[in-house]
Amino acid sequence: LYVPYSLRMQRENAMPRPADGQDYAALRQSGTSPLRARTQLGLEDWRARRLEKLFQARTSRGRGDSQLPKFARHDAHVAAVLAAGGFWAFSERRIGRDGVAVCLPMIAPPKG
């Protein structure tokens, strides 16, 4: 019996993987609202409420947004850096008429 390899692949991929907490957290961390995340993942109300509760609990423990460094949400650190002169910034280079590219060298904060 000859069964093409691609036929098995098509059958296996026909069933989408159910959404889990990681999918929900990824959407919420990227700034998606709870309602939109629920809609995009096709979640039932009870499951969306449960995932939002888990996400909020994780956020309150300080592990909510792993994309941002911890100091990005630390007001005392930001105030100290601004008092010391400010943050360094990347320089910018124009590309065409409307484009801007972020590039090196780094620019020191203005002194004064």
PDB file of N, CA and C in Angstrom:
ATOM      1  N   LEU A   1       0.843  -1.181   0.000  1.00  0.00           N
ATOM      2  CA  LEU A   1       0.000   0.000   0.000  1.00  0.00           C
ATOM      3  C   LEU A   1       0.886   1.242   0.000  1.00  0.00           C
ATOM      4  N   TYR A   2       0.648   2.135  -0.914  1.00  0.00           N
ATOM      5  CA  TYR A   2       1.434   3.359  -1.031  1.00  0.00           C
ATOM      6  C   TYR A   2       0.628   4.529  -0.471  1.00  0.00           C
ATOM      7  N   VAL A   3       1.185   5.187   0.552  1.00  0.00           N
ATOM      8  CA  VAL A   3       0.550   6.370   1.135  1.00  0.00           C
ATOM      9  C   VAL A   3       1.550   7.516   1.034  1.00  0.00           C
ATOM     10  N   PRO A   4       1.210   8.551   0.298  1.00  0.00           N
ATOM     11  CA  PRO A   4       2.154   9.667   0.170  1.00  0.00           C
ATOM     12  C   PRO A   4       2.442  10.316   1.528  1.00  0.00           C
ATOM     13  N   TYR A   5       3.683  10.724   1.687  1.00  0.00           N
ATOM     14  CA  TYR A   5       4.109  11.368   2.932  1.00  0.00           C
ATOM     15  C   TYR A   5       3.320  12.651   3.183  1.00  0.00           C
ATOM     16  N   SER A   6       3.050  13.402   2.141  1.00  0.00           N
ATOM     17  CA  SER A   6       2.341  14.673   2.310  1.00  0.00           C
ATOM     18  C   SER A   6       0.905  14.469   2.782  1.00  0.00           C
ATOM     19  N   LEU A   7       0.311  13.330   2.476  1.00  0.00           N
ATOM     20  CA  LEU A   7      -1.050  13.053   2.926  1.00  0.00           C
ATOM     21  C   LEU A   7      -1.095  12.958   4.446  1.00  0.00           C
ATOM     22  N   ARG A   8      -0.115  12.279   5.037  1.00  0.00           N
ATOM     23  CA  ARG A   8      -0.059  12.193   6.491  1.00  0.00           C
ATOM     24  C   ARG A   8       0.161  13.573   7.108  1.00  0.00           C
ATOM     25  N   MET A   9       0.976  14.368   6.493  1.00  0.00           N
ATOM     26  CA  MET A   9       1.238  15.712   7.021  1.00  0.00           C
ATOM     27  C   MET A   9      -0.033  16.552   6.986  1.00  0.00           C
ATOM     28  N   GLN A  10      -0.805  16.432   5.931  1.00  0.00           N
ATOM     29  CA  GLN A  10      -2.026  17.216   5.823  1.00  0.00           C
ATOM     30  C   GLN A  10      -3.033  16.814   6.890  1.00  0.00           C
ATOM     31  N   ARG A  11      -3.146  15.550   7.168  1.00  0.00           N
ATOM     32  CA  ARG A  11      -4.093  15.098   8.181  1.00  0.00           C
ATOM     33  C   ARG A  11      -3.667  15.554   9.575  1.00  0.00           C
ATOM     34  N   GLU A  12      -2.387  15.486   9.862  1.00  0.00           N
ATOM     35  CA  GLU A  12      -1.909  15.879  11.185  1.00  0.00           C
ATOM     36  C   GLU A  12      -2.075  17.374  11.421  1.00  0.00           C
ATOM     37  N   ASN A  13      -1.901  18.159  10.398  1.00  0.00           N
ATOM     38  CA  ASN A  13      -1.993  19.607  10.545  1.00  0.00           C
ATOM     39  C   ASN A  13      -3.410  20.133  10.384  1.00  0.00           C
ATOM     40  N   ALA A  14      -4.354  19.249  10.077  1.00  0.00           N
ATOM     41  CA  ALA A  14      -5.725  19.702   9.872  1.00  0.00           C
ATOM     42  C   ALA A  14      -6.366  20.159  11.177  1.00  0.00           C
ATOM     43  N   MET A  15      -5.960  19.579  12.305  1.00  0.00           N
ATOM     44  CA  MET A  15      -6.524  19.951  13.600  1.00  0.00           C
ATOM     45  C   MET A  15      -5.649  21.019  14.249  1.00  0.00           C
ATOM     46  N   PRO A  16      -6.165  22.211  14.456  1.00  0.00           N
ATOM     47  CA  PRO A  16      -5.347  23.243  15.087  1.00  0.00           C
ATOM     48  C   PRO A  16      -5.098  22.921  16.558  1.00  0.00           C
ATOM     49  N   ARG A  17      -3.964  23.361  17.040  1.00  0.00           N
ATOM     50  CA  ARG A  17      -3.606  23.152  18.441  1.00  0.00           C
ATOM     51  C   ARG A  17      -4.459  24.069  19.303  1.00  0.00           C
ATOM     52  N   PRO A  18      -5.030  23.560  20.391  1.00  0.00           N
ATOM     53  CA  PRO A  18      -5.842  24.437  21.250  1.00  0.00           C
ATOM     54  C   PRO A  18      -4.973  25.495  21.928  1.00  0.00           C
ATOM     55  N   ALA A  19      -5.546  26.662  22.130  1.00  0.00           N
ATOM     56  CA  ALA A  19      -4.815  27.760  22.760  1.00  0.00           C
ATOM     57  C   ALA A  19      -4.533  27.424  24.215  1.00  0.00           C
ATOM     58  N   ASP A  20      -3.373  27.845  24.688  1.00  0.00           N
ATOM     59  CA  ASP A  20      -3.028  27.612  26.084  1.00  0.00           C
ATOM     60  C   ASP A  20      -2.626  28.931  26.745  1.00  0.00           C
ATOM     61  N   GLY A  21      -2.174  28.840  27.981  1.00  0.00           N
ATOM     62  CA  GLY A  21      -1.807  30.027  28.746  1.00  0.00           C
ATOM     63  C   GLY A  21      -0.663  30.807  28.133  1.00  0.00           C
ATOM     64  N   GLN A  22       0.269  30.116  27.477  1.00  0.00           N
ATOM     65  CA  GLN A  22       1.391  30.811  26.852  1.00  0.00           C
ATOM     66  C   GLN A  22       0.928  31.658  25.673  1.00  0.00           C
ATOM     67  N   ASP A  23      -0.005  31.133  24.897  1.00  0.00           N
ATOM     68  CA  ASP A  23      -0.541  31.911  23.778  1.00  0.00           C
ATOM     69  C   ASP A  23      -1.234  33.169  24.293  1.00  0.00           C
ATOM     70  N   TYR A  24      -2.034  32.999  25.344  1.00  0.00           N
ATOM     71  CA  TYR A  24      -2.760  34.132  25.922  1.00  0.00           C
ATOM     72  C   TYR A  24      -1.779  35.157  26.482  1.00  0.00           C
ATOM     73  N   ALA A  25      -0.778  34.688  27.227  1.00  0.00           N
ATOM     74  CA  ALA A  25       0.208  35.598  27.816  1.00  0.00           C
ATOM     75  C   ALA A  25       0.991  36.338  26.737  1.00  0.00           C
ATOM     76  N   ALA A  26       1.324  35.657  25.652  1.00  0.00           N
ATOM     77  CA  ALA A  26       2.064  36.311  24.571  1.00  0.00           C
ATOM     78  C   ALA A  26       1.250  37.450  23.964  1.00  0.00           C
ATOM     79  N   LEU A  27      -0.031  37.215  23.754  1.00  0.00           N
ATOM     80  CA  LEU A  27      -0.880  38.278  23.211  1.00  0.00           C
ATOM     81  C   LEU A  27      -1.011  39.435  24.191  1.00  0.00           C
ATOM     82  N   ARG A  28      -1.226  39.125  25.470  1.00  0.00           N
ATOM     83  CA  ARG A  28      -1.401  40.178  26.477  1.00  0.00           C
ATOM     84  C   ARG A  28      -0.120  40.974  26.672  1.00  0.00           C
ATOM     85  N   GLN A  29       1.043  40.311  26.627  1.00  0.00           N
ATOM     86  CA  GLN A  29       2.314  41.011  26.785  1.00  0.00           C
ATOM     87  C   GLN A  29       2.591  41.940  25.616  1.00  0.00           C
ATOM     88  N   SER A  30       2.060  41.610  24.465  1.00  0.00           N
ATOM     89  CA  SER A  30       2.272  42.468  23.300  1.00  0.00           C
ATOM     90  C   SER A  30       1.309  43.642  23.262  1.00  0.00           C
ATOM     91  N   GLY A  31       0.448  43.760  24.286  1.00  0.00           N
ATOM     92  CA  GLY A  31      -0.443  44.907  24.376  1.00  0.00           C
ATOM     93  C   GLY A  31      -1.866  44.646  23.928  1.00  0.00           C
ATOM     94  N   THR A  32      -2.192  43.422  23.613  1.00  0.00           N
ATOM     95  CA  THR A  32      -3.548  43.079  23.189  1.00  0.00           C
ATOM     96  C   THR A  32      -4.493  43.122  24.385  1.00  0.00           C
ATOM     97  N   SER A  33      -5.673  43.665  24.188  1.00  0.00           N
ATOM     98  CA  SER A  33      -6.661  43.733  25.268  1.00  0.00           C
ATOM     99  C   SER A  33      -7.180  42.329  25.581  1.00  0.00           C
ATOM    100  N   PRO A  34      -7.723  42.120  26.802  1.00  0.00           N
ATOM    101  CA  PRO A  34      -8.259  40.795  27.142  1.00  0.00           C
ATOM    102  C   PRO A  34      -9.358  40.329  26.188  1.00  0.00           C
ATOM    103  N   LEU A  35     -10.233  41.241  25.790  1.00  0.00           N
ATOM    104  CA  LEU A  35     -11.324  40.864  24.887  1.00  0.00           C
ATOM    105  C   LEU A  35     -10.793  40.448  23.518  1.00  0.00           C
ATOM    106  N   ARG A  36      -9.829  41.202  23.006  1.00  0.00           N
ATOM    107  CA  ARG A  36      -9.270  40.868  21.695  1.00  0.00           C
ATOM    108  C   ARG A  36      -8.484  39.556  21.744  1.00  0.00           C
ATOM    109  N   ALA A  37      -7.749  39.335  22.837  1.00  0.00           N
ATOM    110  CA  ALA A  37      -7.013  38.071  22.982  1.00  0.00           C
ATOM    111  C   ALA A  37      -7.983  36.896  23.001  1.00  0.00           C
ATOM    112  N   ARG A  38      -9.091  37.065  23.724  1.00  0.00           N
ATOM    113  CA  ARG A  38     -10.108  36.009  23.777  1.00  0.00           C
ATOM    114  C   ARG A  38     -10.664  35.727  22.383  1.00  0.00           C
ATOM    115  N   THR A  39     -10.945  36.778  21.642  1.00  0.00           N
ATOM    116  CA  THR A  39     -11.505  36.625  20.301  1.00  0.00           C
ATOM    117  C   THR A  39     -10.505  35.964  19.358  1.00  0.00           C
ATOM    118  N   GLN A  40      -9.246  36.416  19.382  1.00  0.00           N
ATOM    119  CA  GLN A  40      -8.232  35.859  18.482  1.00  0.00           C
ATOM    120  C   GLN A  40      -7.977  34.380  18.747  1.00  0.00           C
ATOM    121  N   LEU A  41      -8.022  33.996  20.017  1.00  0.00           N
ATOM    122  CA  LEU A  41      -7.759  32.600  20.358  1.00  0.00           C
ATOM    123  C   LEU A  41      -9.012  31.735  20.342  1.00  0.00           C
ATOM    124  N   GLY A  42     -10.182  32.367  20.188  1.00  0.00           N
ATOM    125  CA  GLY A  42     -11.436  31.620  20.153  1.00  0.00           C
ATOM    126  C   GLY A  42     -11.753  30.941  21.475  1.00  0.00           C
ATOM    127  N   LEU A  43     -11.535  31.648  22.572  1.00  0.00           N
ATOM    128  CA  LEU A  43     -11.739  31.076  23.903  1.00  0.00           C
ATOM    129  C   LEU A  43     -13.166  31.280  24.382  1.00  0.00           C
ATOM    130  N   GLU A  44     -13.639  30.350  25.182  1.00  0.00           N
ATOM    131  CA  GLU A  44     -14.931  30.518  25.844  1.00  0.00           C
ATOM    132  C   GLU A  44     -14.747  31.514  26.987  1.00  0.00           C
ATOM    133  N   ASP A  45     -15.867  32.103  27.443  1.00  0.00           N
ATOM    134  CA  ASP A  45     -15.796  33.129  28.487  1.00  0.00           C
ATOM    135  C   ASP A  45     -15.096  32.634  29.743  1.00  0.00           C
ATOM    136  N   TRP A  46     -15.460  31.455  30.224  1.00  0.00           N
ATOM    137  CA  TRP A  46     -14.886  30.951  31.474  1.00  0.00           C
ATOM    138  C   TRP A  46     -13.391  30.729  31.347  1.00  0.00           C
ATOM    139  N   ARG A  47     -12.956  30.238  30.186  1.00  0.00           N
ATOM    140  CA  ARG A  47     -11.518  29.983  29.989  1.00  0.00           C
ATOM    141  C   ARG A  47     -10.752  31.292  29.861  1.00  0.00           C
ATOM    142  N   ALA A  48     -11.334  32.272  29.178  1.00  0.00           N
ATOM    143  CA  ALA A  48     -10.675  33.572  29.046  1.00  0.00           C
ATOM    144  C   ALA A  48     -10.524  34.237  30.410  1.00  0.00           C
ATOM    145  N   ARG A  49     -11.571  34.151  31.247  1.00  0.00           N
ATOM    146  CA  ARG A  49     -11.480  34.727  32.600  1.00  0.00           C
ATOM    147  C   ARG A  49     -10.388  34.044  33.418  1.00  0.00           C
ATOM    148  N   ARG A  50     -10.298  32.734  33.289  1.00  0.00           N
ATOM    149  CA  ARG A  50      -9.278  31.980  34.029  1.00  0.00           C
ATOM    150  C   ARG A  50      -7.872  32.368  33.572  1.00  0.00           C
ATOM    151  N   LEU A  51      -7.663  32.457  32.259  1.00  0.00           N
ATOM    152  CA  LEU A  51      -6.344  32.820  31.745  1.00  0.00           C
ATOM    153  C   LEU A  51      -5.971  34.253  32.116  1.00  0.00           C
ATOM    154  N   GLU A  52      -6.956  35.159  32.120  1.00  0.00           N
ATOM    155  CA  GLU A  52      -6.678  36.541  32.519  1.00  0.00           C
ATOM    156  C   GLU A  52      -6.302  36.601  33.998  1.00  0.00           C
ATOM    157  N   LYS A  53      -6.993  35.816  34.810  1.00  0.00           N
ATOM    158  CA  LYS A  53      -6.676  35.776  36.244  1.00  0.00           C
ATOM    159  C   LYS A  53      -5.252  35.259  36.461  1.00  0.00           C
ATOM    160  N   LEU A  54      -4.876  34.217  35.742  1.00  0.00           N
ATOM    161  CA  LEU A  54      -3.515  33.689  35.841  1.00  0.00           C
ATOM    162  C   LEU A  54      -2.488  34.706  35.358  1.00  0.00           C
ATOM    163  N   PHE A  55      -2.808  35.403  34.269  1.00  0.00           N
ATOM    164  CA  PHE A  55      -1.891  36.412  33.739  1.00  0.00           C
ATOM    165  C   PHE A  55      -1.698  37.548  34.736  1.00  0.00           C
ATOM    166  N   GLN A  56      -2.789  38.017  35.343  1.00  0.00           N
ATOM    167  CA  GLN A  56      -2.690  39.102  36.322  1.00  0.00           C
ATOM    168  C   GLN A  56      -1.912  38.658  37.559  1.00  0.00           C
ATOM    169  N   ALA A  57      -2.105  37.415  37.989  1.00  0.00           N
ATOM    170  CA  ALA A  57      -1.360  36.902  39.143  1.00  0.00           C
ATOM    171  C   ALA A  57       0.129  36.854  38.835  1.00  0.00           C
ATOM    172  N   ARG A  58       0.462  36.438  37.641  1.00  0.00           N
ATOM    173  CA  ARG A  58       1.868  36.383  37.242  1.00  0.00           C
ATOM    174  C   ARG A  58       2.451  37.790  37.165  1.00  0.00           C
ATOM    175  N   THR A  59       1.683  38.734  36.655  1.00  0.00           N
ATOM    176  CA  THR A  59       2.141  40.115  36.559  1.00  0.00           C
ATOM    177  C   THR A  59       2.372  40.704  37.941  1.00  0.00           C
ATOM    178  N   SER A  60       1.483  40.410  38.881  1.00  0.00           N
ATOM    179  CA  SER A  60       1.626  40.968  40.226  1.00  0.00           C
ATOM    180  C   SER A  60       2.840  40.399  40.951  1.00  0.00           C
ATOM    181  N   ARG A  61       3.303  39.225  40.537  1.00  0.00           N
ATOM    182  CA  ARG A  61       4.517  38.654  41.128  1.00  0.00           C
ATOM    183  C   ARG A  61       5.768  39.186  40.443  1.00  0.00           C
ATOM    184  N   GLY A  62       5.607  40.105  39.479  1.00  0.00           N
ATOM    185  CA  GLY A  62       6.763  40.689  38.812  1.00  0.00           C
ATOM    186  C   GLY A  62       7.259  39.904  37.626  1.00  0.00           C
ATOM    187  N   ARG A  63       6.489  38.933  37.157  1.00  0.00           N
ATOM    188  CA  ARG A  63       6.926  38.137  36.016  1.00  0.00           C
ATOM    189  C   ARG A  63       5.991  38.305  34.832  1.00  0.00           C
ATOM    190  N   GLY A  64       5.236  39.379  34.792  1.00  0.00           N
ATOM    191  CA  GLY A  64       4.223  39.523  33.765  1.00  0.00           C
ATOM    192  C   GLY A  64       4.755  39.789  32.386  1.00  0.00           C
ATOM    193  N   ASP A  65       5.690  40.700  32.274  1.00  0.00           N
ATOM    194  CA  ASP A  65       6.185  41.058  30.960  1.00  0.00           C
ATOM    195  C   ASP A  65       7.672  40.792  30.905  1.00  0.00           C
ATOM    196  N   SER A  66       8.038  39.649  30.392  1.00  0.00           N
ATOM    197  CA  SER A  66       9.449  39.282  30.346  1.00  0.00           C
ATOM    198  C   SER A  66      10.202  40.046  29.267  1.00  0.00           C
ATOM    199  N   GLN A  67       9.492  40.774  28.411  1.00  0.00           N
ATOM    200  CA  GLN A  67      10.149  41.536  27.359  1.00  0.00           C
ATOM    201  C   GLN A  67      10.802  42.805  27.893  1.00  0.00           C
ATOM    202  N   LEU A  68      10.246  43.363  28.950  1.00  0.00           N
ATOM    203  CA  LEU A  68      10.782  44.604  29.500  1.00  0.00           C
ATOM    204  C   LEU A  68      11.744  44.308  30.634  1.00  0.00           C
ATOM    205  N   PRO A  69      12.854  45.045  30.711  1.00  0.00           N
ATOM    206  CA  PRO A  69      13.722  44.875  31.868  1.00  0.00           C
ATOM    207  C   PRO A  69      13.014  45.369  33.121  1.00  0.00           C
ATOM    208  N   LYS A  70      13.403  44.857  34.266  1.00  0.00           N
ATOM    209  CA  LYS A  70      12.727  45.202  35.516  1.00  0.00           C
ATOM    210  C   LYS A  70      12.790  46.700  35.794  1.00  0.00           C
ATOM    211  N   PHE A  71      13.912  47.351  35.460  1.00  0.00           N
ATOM    212  CA  PHE A  71      14.026  48.775  35.764  1.00  0.00           C
ATOM    213  C   PHE A  71      13.116  49.634  34.908  1.00  0.00           C
ATOM    214  N   ALA A  72      12.590  49.091  33.820  1.00  0.00           N
ATOM    215  CA  ALA A  72      11.717  49.883  32.962  1.00  0.00           C
ATOM    216  C   ALA A  72      10.433  50.275  33.682  1.00  0.00           C
ATOM    217  N   ARG A  73      10.070  49.531  34.714  1.00  0.00           N
ATOM    218  CA  ARG A  73       8.872  49.849  35.482  1.00  0.00           C
ATOM    219  C   ARG A  73       9.225  50.374  36.872  1.00  0.00           C
ATOM    220  N   HIS A  74      10.465  50.768  37.082  1.00  0.00           N
ATOM    221  CA  HIS A  74      10.920  51.161  38.402  1.00  0.00           C
ATOM    222  C   HIS A  74      11.103  52.677  38.435  1.00  0.00           C
ATOM    223  N   ASP A  75      10.151  53.367  39.031  1.00  0.00           N
ATOM    224  CA  ASP A  75      10.143  54.830  39.020  1.00  0.00           C
ATOM    225  C   ASP A  75      11.372  55.431  39.683  1.00  0.00           C
ATOM    226  N   ALA A  76      11.840  54.839  40.773  1.00  0.00           N
ATOM    227  CA  ALA A  76      13.010  55.386  41.471  1.00  0.00           C
ATOM    228  C   ALA A  76      14.252  55.309  40.591  1.00  0.00           C
ATOM    229  N   HIS A  77      14.398  54.225  39.837  1.00  0.00           N
ATOM    230  CA  HIS A  77      15.549  54.090  38.946  1.00  0.00           C
ATOM    231  C   HIS A  77      15.504  55.142  37.835  1.00  0.00           C
ATOM    232  N   VAL A  78      14.347  55.302  37.241  1.00  0.00           N
ATOM    233  CA  VAL A  78      14.202  56.293  36.168  1.00  0.00           C
ATOM    234  C   VAL A  78      14.495  57.692  36.700  1.00  0.00           C
ATOM    235  N   ALA A  79      13.983  58.013  37.880  1.00  0.00           N
ATOM    236  CA  ALA A  79      14.242  59.330  38.474  1.00  0.00           C
ATOM    237  C   ALA A  79      15.729  59.526  38.731  1.00  0.00           C
ATOM    238  N   ALA A  80      16.420  58.484  39.207  1.00  0.00           N
ATOM    239  CA  ALA A  80      17.859  58.592  39.470  1.00  0.00           C
ATOM    240  C   ALA A  80      18.645  58.802  38.184  1.00  0.00           C
ATOM    241  N   VAL A  81      18.280  58.086  37.127  1.00  0.00           N
ATOM    242  CA  VAL A  81      18.983  58.249  35.849  1.00  0.00           C
ATOM    243  C   VAL A  81      18.748  59.644  35.280  1.00  0.00           C
ATOM    244  N   LEU A  82      17.522  60.130  35.353  1.00  0.00           N
ATOM    245  CA  LEU A  82      17.238  61.480  34.859  1.00  0.00           C
ATOM    246  C   LEU A  82      17.979  62.528  35.677  1.00  0.00           C
ATOM    247  N   ALA A  83      18.086  62.322  36.990  1.00  0.00           N
ATOM    248  CA  ALA A  83      18.824  63.263  37.836  1.00  0.00           C
ATOM    249  C   ALA A  83      20.311  63.258  37.502  1.00  0.00           C
ATOM    250  N   ALA A  84      20.829  62.114  37.049  1.00  0.00           N
ATOM    251  CA  ALA A  84      22.241  62.009  36.689  1.00  0.00           C
ATOM    252  C   ALA A  84      22.520  62.496  35.275  1.00  0.00           C
ATOM    253  N   GLY A  85      21.516  62.911  34.557  1.00  0.00           N
ATOM    254  CA  GLY A  85      21.746  63.458  33.226  1.00  0.00           C
ATOM    255  C   GLY A  85      20.911  62.849  32.128  1.00  0.00           C
ATOM    256  N   GLY A  86      20.306  61.713  32.360  1.00  0.00           N
ATOM    257  CA  GLY A  86      19.419  61.128  31.359  1.00  0.00           C
ATOM    258  C   GLY A  86      19.954  59.849  30.753  1.00  0.00           C
ATOM    259  N   PHE A  87      19.211  59.339  29.806  1.00  0.00           N
ATOM    260  CA  PHE A  87      19.526  58.077  29.152  1.00  0.00           C
ATOM    261  C   PHE A  87      20.315  58.321  27.869  1.00  0.00           C
ATOM    262  N   TRP A  88      21.156  57.369  27.515  1.00  0.00           N
ATOM    263  CA  TRP A  88      21.809  57.387  26.213  1.00  0.00           C
ATOM    264  C   TRP A  88      20.768  57.018  25.157  1.00  0.00           C
ATOM    265  N   ALA A  89      21.002  57.422  23.922  1.00  0.00           N
ATOM    266  CA  ALA A  89      20.055  57.139  22.838  1.00  0.00           C
ATOM    267  C   ALA A  89      20.813  56.693  21.592  1.00  0.00           C
ATOM    268  N   PHE A  90      20.134  55.946  20.748  1.00  0.00           N
ATOM    269  CA  PHE A  90      20.712  55.592  19.454  1.00  0.00           C
ATOM    270  C   PHE A  90      20.600  56.786  18.518  1.00  0.00           C
ATOM    271  N   SER A  91      21.550  56.911  17.604  1.00  0.00           N
ATOM    272  CA  SER A  91      21.435  57.956  16.594  1.00  0.00           C
ATOM    273  C   SER A  91      20.473  57.485  15.509  1.00  0.00           C
ATOM    274  N   GLU A  92      20.041  58.418  14.680  1.00  0.00           N
ATOM    275  CA  GLU A  92      19.091  58.092  13.616  1.00  0.00           C
ATOM    276  C   GLU A  92      19.676  58.487  12.275  1.00  0.00           C
ATOM    277  N   ARG A  93      19.295  57.745  11.254  1.00  0.00           N
ATOM    278  CA  ARG A  93      19.736  58.036   9.901  1.00  0.00           C
ATOM    279  C   ARG A  93      18.511  58.009   9.006  1.00  0.00           C
ATOM    280  N   ARG A  94      18.388  58.993   8.155  1.00  0.00           N
ATOM    281  CA  ARG A  94      17.252  59.070   7.229  1.00  0.00           C
ATOM    282  C   ARG A  94      17.438  58.092   6.080  1.00  0.00           C
ATOM    283  N   ILE A  95      16.341  57.419   5.734  1.00  0.00           N
ATOM    284  CA  ILE A  95      16.318  56.526   4.576  1.00  0.00           C
ATOM    285  C   ILE A  95      15.212  57.028   3.673  1.00  0.00           C
ATOM    286  N   GLY A  96      15.583  57.568   2.563  1.00  0.00           N
ATOM    287  CA  GLY A  96      14.579  58.126   1.661  1.00  0.00           C
ATOM    288  C   GLY A  96      13.947  59.370   2.251  1.00  0.00           C
ATOM    289  N   ARG A  97      12.727  59.634   1.854  1.00  0.00           N
ATOM    290  CA  ARG A  97      12.053  60.850   2.298  1.00  0.00           C
ATOM    291  C   ARG A  97      11.381  60.692   3.651  1.00  0.00           C
ATOM    292  N   ASP A  98      10.813  59.516   3.898  1.00  0.00           N
ATOM    293  CA  ASP A  98      10.024  59.338   5.112  1.00  0.00           C
ATOM    294  C   ASP A  98      10.595  58.316   6.091  1.00  0.00           C
ATOM    295  N   GLY A  99      11.623  57.601   5.707  1.00  0.00           N
ATOM    296  CA  GLY A  99      12.122  56.528   6.561  1.00  0.00           C
ATOM    297  C   GLY A  99      13.211  56.981   7.513  1.00  0.00           C
ATOM    298  N   VAL A 100      13.242  56.354   8.679  1.00  0.00           N
ATOM    299  CA  VAL A 100      14.271  56.623   9.674  1.00  0.00           C
ATOM    300  C   VAL A 100      14.807  55.287  10.155  1.00  0.00           C
ATOM    301  N   ALA A 101      16.131  55.158  10.219  1.00  0.00           N
ATOM    302  CA  ALA A 101      16.754  53.938  10.741  1.00  0.00           C
ATOM    303  C   ALA A 101      17.490  54.278  12.024  1.00  0.00           C
ATOM    304  N   VAL A 102      17.325  53.439  13.012  1.00  0.00           N
ATOM    305  CA  VAL A 102      18.059  53.599  14.263  1.00  0.00           C
ATOM    306  C   VAL A 102      19.404  52.926  14.082  1.00  0.00           C
ATOM    307  N   CYS A 103      20.485  53.601  14.472  1.00  0.00           N
ATOM    308  CA  CYS A 103      21.811  53.042  14.236  1.00  0.00           C
ATOM    309  C   CYS A 103      22.802  53.514  15.302  1.00  0.00           C
ATOM    310  N   LEU A 104      24.011  53.031  15.187  1.00  0.00           N
ATOM    311  CA  LEU A 104      25.097  53.468  16.053  1.00  0.00           C
ATOM    312  C   LEU A 104      25.760  54.668  15.408  1.00  0.00           C
ATOM    313  N   PRO A 105      26.405  55.537  16.092  1.00  0.00           N
ATOM    314  CA  PRO A 105      26.853  55.468  17.480  1.00  0.00           C
ATOM    315  C   PRO A 105      25.760  55.903  18.455  1.00  0.00           C
ATOM    316  N   MET A 106      25.980  55.566  19.720  1.00  0.00           N
ATOM    317  CA  MET A 106      25.090  56.010  20.784  1.00  0.00           C
ATOM    318  C   MET A 106      25.364  57.487  21.061  1.00  0.00           C
ATOM    319  N   ILE A 107      24.316  58.194  21.410  1.00  0.00           N
ATOM    320  CA  ILE A 107      24.428  59.622  21.707  1.00  0.00           C
ATOM    321  C   ILE A 107      24.249  59.812  23.207  1.00  0.00           C
ATOM    322  N   ALA A 108      25.207  60.494  23.803  1.00  0.00           N
ATOM    323  CA  ALA A 108      25.135  60.758  25.242  1.00  0.00           C
ATOM    324  C   ALA A 108      24.039  61.778  25.526  1.00  0.00           C
ATOM    325  N   PRO A 109      23.449  61.721  26.714  1.00  0.00           N
ATOM    326  CA  PRO A 109      22.437  62.725  27.063  1.00  0.00           C
ATOM    327  C   PRO A 109      23.075  64.104  27.143  1.00  0.00           C
ATOM    328  N   PRO A 110      22.318  65.142  26.847  1.00  0.00           N
ATOM    329  CA  PRO A 110      22.885  66.494  26.893  1.00  0.00           C
ATOM    330  C   PRO A 110      23.299  66.869  28.313  1.00  0.00           C
ATOM    331  N   LYS A 111      24.425  67.538  28.420  1.00  0.00           N
ATOM    332  CA  LYS A 111      24.907  67.978  29.736  1.00  0.00           C
ATOM    333  C   LYS A 111      24.410  69.386  29.992  1.00  0.00           C
ATOM    334  N   GLY A 112      24.021  69.597  31.202  1.00  0.00           N
ATOM    335  CA  GLY A 112      23.606  70.959  31.493  1.00  0.00           C
ATOM    336  C   GLY A 112      22.504  71.018  32.381  1.00  0.00           C
TER     337      GLY A 112
END
